Structures are given as C-alpha cells and as structure tokens.
Protein backbone atom coordinates (compact mmCIF):
# COMPACT_ATOMS: atom_id res chain seq x y z
CA MET A 1 -15.79 -37.65 -21.12
CA ALA A 2 -12.39 -36.19 -20.17
CA GLU A 3 -11.61 -35.81 -23.88
CA GLU A 4 -14.75 -33.69 -24.37
CA THR A 5 -13.79 -31.18 -21.64
CA LYS A 6 -10.22 -31.09 -22.90
CA ALA A 7 -11.40 -30.34 -26.43
CA LYS A 8 -13.58 -27.42 -25.24
CA LYS A 9 -10.79 -25.79 -23.24
CA PRO A 10 -8.59 -23.44 -25.34
CA GLY A 11 -4.89 -24.16 -25.54
CA LEU A 12 -2.21 -22.55 -23.45
CA PHE A 13 -1.08 -20.12 -26.14
CA ALA A 14 -4.68 -19.12 -26.91
CA ARG A 15 -5.27 -18.30 -23.24
CA ILE A 16 -2.01 -16.34 -23.02
CA GLY A 17 -2.93 -14.42 -26.17
CA LYS A 18 -6.37 -13.63 -24.76
CA TRP A 19 -4.81 -12.46 -21.51
CA PHE A 20 -2.50 -10.03 -23.36
CA ARG A 21 -5.39 -8.69 -25.48
CA GLU A 22 -7.43 -8.07 -22.33
CA LEU A 23 -4.40 -6.47 -20.66
CA LYS A 24 -3.95 -4.10 -23.60
CA SER A 25 -7.66 -3.23 -23.48
CA GLU A 26 -7.50 -2.48 -19.75
CA CYS A 27 -4.34 -0.36 -20.13
CA ARG A 28 -6.19 1.87 -22.59
CA LYS A 29 -8.71 2.69 -19.84
CA ILE A 30 -6.06 4.13 -17.50
CA VAL A 31 -6.47 7.82 -16.72
CA TRP A 32 -3.15 9.25 -15.60
CA PRO A 33 -3.13 12.14 -13.11
CA THR A 34 -1.94 15.56 -14.21
CA ARG A 35 1.35 17.00 -13.00
CA GLU A 36 -0.52 19.28 -10.58
CA GLN A 37 -2.51 16.37 -9.12
CA THR A 38 0.68 14.35 -8.67
CA ILE A 39 2.45 17.22 -6.90
CA ASN A 40 -0.59 17.88 -4.70
CA ASN A 41 -0.95 14.21 -3.74
CA THR A 42 2.78 13.98 -2.99
CA LEU A 43 2.61 17.03 -0.71
CA VAL A 44 -0.41 15.61 1.12
CA VAL A 45 1.40 12.32 1.71
CA LEU A 46 4.59 14.06 2.91
CA ALA A 47 2.65 16.33 5.27
CA SER A 48 0.74 13.35 6.67
CA VAL A 49 3.93 11.37 7.24
CA ILE A 50 5.58 14.33 9.00
CA ILE A 51 2.56 14.98 11.23
CA ILE A 52 2.18 11.31 12.19
CA GLY A 53 5.96 11.05 12.76
CA ILE A 54 5.91 14.03 15.11
CA PHE A 55 2.88 12.59 16.93
CA ILE A 56 4.62 9.24 17.46
CA TRP A 57 7.82 11.02 18.53
CA VAL A 58 5.93 13.02 21.18
CA LEU A 59 4.14 9.88 22.42
CA ASP A 60 7.50 8.12 22.66
CA ILE A 61 8.91 10.92 24.81
CA VAL A 62 5.82 11.02 27.05
CA PHE A 63 5.72 7.26 27.56
CA GLY A 64 9.48 7.15 28.08
CA LEU A 65 9.26 9.80 30.79
CA GLY A 66 6.33 7.97 32.36
CA ILE A 67 8.20 4.69 32.50
CA GLN A 68 11.34 6.42 33.76
CA THR A 69 9.30 8.07 36.53
CA LEU A 70 7.71 4.75 37.49
CA LEU A 71 11.10 3.05 37.62
CA THR A 72 12.70 5.75 39.77
CA HIS A 73 9.73 5.77 42.20
CA THR A 74 9.74 1.98 42.56
CA ALA A 75 13.52 1.92 43.01
CA ALA A 76 13.29 4.56 45.76
CA ALA A 77 10.53 2.68 47.58
C-alpha cells in the first residue's frame, strides 16, 4: 500500500520544476505601477510618517510635562 502512494507522488525534481513553471506564470501576471504612481505613493507614505511622528512627539511632550508636574507636586507635599 505504501508503494502505491509513493508511485503516484511525483519526484522531487518534477515538483521543483512544476513550482518554477507556476512561479514564471504568476510573475507574468504582475502589473507594475507607473513612475507617477510610485512617486505619489512614496509621498503619501512620507507625509503619513511625518504627521504620525509629530503627533507622537507632541504626546511625548504633553505626557512628560504631566508626569513632571505630578512628581513635583508629590515631592512638595
């Protein structure tokens, strides 16, 4: 019974060859973005990173001042 399942299963090199054929077929389906789309997407990502960075920076300052205020009030009490 084990010999029957082994005989039905393709060999290692046949499976590797099939994998490369399927890979080549899938690579032909790729649609690459235009130069304008790439530039636009890059600018959107950079703007998002800058805005989020500024937001986190402001939160860091606010929370830092809040903690500093709490520490000075508890030390004075």
